[in-house]
Amino acid sequence: MGWIIALIVGGVAGWLASKVMNRDASKGIFWNIVVGCVGSVIGNLLANQFGITGTVQKFSLTGLIVAFVGAIILLGIVNLVQRGKVR
């Protein structure tokens, strides 16, 4: 059950981050899930440095926020590499 929740939270976080970063037109649902899951890993690494736990194995608002912030960071890095600027 933890995998399903992680995929759903990753998909929602990736979709929200792509809306905020104005990248929604360039990806489909699969890439939103990938961005959200990778962003969740990035967000958890950063959150652990500040003592925040944001696991997505069980749904929590903290986990969604951490995944969302990590996905925004990931999309910012992608924008920087592809276009030379962060939107």
Protein backbone atom coordinates (compact mmCIF):
# COMPACT_ATOMS: atom_id res chain seq x y z
CA MET A 1 0.00 0.00 0.00
CA GLY A 2 2.94 2.34 0.63
CA TRP A 3 3.97 2.25 -3.06
CA ILE A 4 0.52 3.28 -4.21
CA ILE A 5 0.41 6.18 -1.76
CA ALA A 6 3.93 7.26 -2.78
CA LEU A 7 2.93 7.25 -6.47
CA ILE A 8 -0.26 9.22 -5.81
CA VAL A 9 1.50 11.78 -3.61
CA GLY A 10 4.36 11.98 -6.13
CA GLY A 11 1.91 12.54 -8.97
CA VAL A 12 0.06 15.30 -7.12
CA ALA A 13 3.29 16.98 -6.01
CA GLY A 14 4.76 16.78 -9.52
CA TRP A 15 1.60 18.16 -11.09
CA LEU A 16 1.39 21.06 -8.62
CA ALA A 17 5.08 21.85 -9.07
CA SER A 18 4.75 21.79 -12.86
CA LYS A 19 1.83 24.24 -12.60
CA VAL A 20 3.84 26.58 -10.35
CA MET A 21 6.94 26.39 -12.55
CA ASN A 22 4.88 26.75 -15.76
CA ARG A 23 6.11 23.41 -17.18
CA ASP A 24 2.79 21.56 -17.30
CA ALA A 25 2.46 21.63 -21.09
CA SER A 26 5.78 19.83 -21.61
CA LYS A 27 5.00 16.69 -19.58
CA GLY A 28 2.31 14.10 -19.15
CA ILE A 29 1.09 12.28 -16.06
CA PHE A 30 3.99 9.81 -16.13
CA TRP A 31 6.60 12.58 -15.93
CA ASN A 32 4.60 14.37 -13.23
CA ILE A 33 4.80 11.21 -11.12
CA VAL A 34 8.53 10.85 -11.82
CA VAL A 35 9.20 14.52 -10.98
CA GLY A 36 7.11 14.23 -7.81
CA CYS A 37 8.84 11.05 -6.63
CA VAL A 38 12.36 12.33 -7.36
CA GLY A 39 11.36 15.67 -5.84
CA SER A 40 10.18 13.82 -2.77
CA VAL A 41 13.62 12.27 -2.35
CA ILE A 42 15.28 15.69 -2.78
CA GLY A 43 12.79 17.29 -0.40
CA ASN A 44 13.29 14.60 2.23
CA LEU A 45 17.07 14.99 2.05
CA LEU A 46 16.75 18.73 2.60
CA ALA A 47 14.01 18.42 5.22
CA ASN A 48 16.08 15.96 7.25
CA GLN A 49 18.81 18.60 7.49
CA PHE A 50 16.30 20.87 9.27
CA GLY A 51 14.79 18.13 11.44
CA ILE A 52 11.54 17.86 9.46
CA THR A 53 10.27 14.39 8.66
CA GLY A 54 8.14 14.19 5.54
CA THR A 55 7.71 10.56 4.60
CA VAL A 56 5.20 9.70 1.89
CA GLN A 57 4.79 6.03 2.82
CA LYS A 58 1.76 7.08 4.86
CA PHE A 59 -0.14 10.10 3.63
CA SER A 60 0.54 13.28 5.54
CA LEU A 61 0.31 16.94 4.67
CA THR A 62 3.94 17.39 5.67
CA GLY A 63 4.99 14.66 3.24
CA LEU A 64 3.03 16.30 0.41
CA ILE A 65 4.57 19.71 1.13
CA VAL A 66 8.09 18.25 1.30
CA ALA A 67 7.55 16.42 -2.01
CA PHE A 68 6.12 19.60 -3.57
CA VAL A 69 9.10 21.72 -2.48
CA GLY A 70 11.53 19.07 -3.71
CA ALA A 71 9.74 18.88 -7.07
CA ILE A 72 9.93 22.67 -7.44
CA ILE A 73 13.68 22.53 -6.73
CA LEU A 74 14.08 19.74 -9.29
CA LEU A 75 12.12 21.65 -11.96
CA GLY A 76 14.14 24.78 -11.18
CA ILE A 77 17.34 22.86 -11.80
CA VAL A 78 15.93 21.42 -15.04
CA ASN A 79 14.91 24.91 -16.20
CA LEU A 80 18.36 26.21 -15.36
CA VAL A 81 20.07 23.47 -17.35
CA GLN A 82 17.72 23.60 -20.36
CA ARG A 83 17.20 27.32 -20.72
CA GLY A 84 19.92 28.93 -18.69
CA LYS A 85 17.41 30.63 -16.36
CA VAL A 86 14.89 29.73 -13.67
CA ARG A 87 11.32 30.73 -14.49
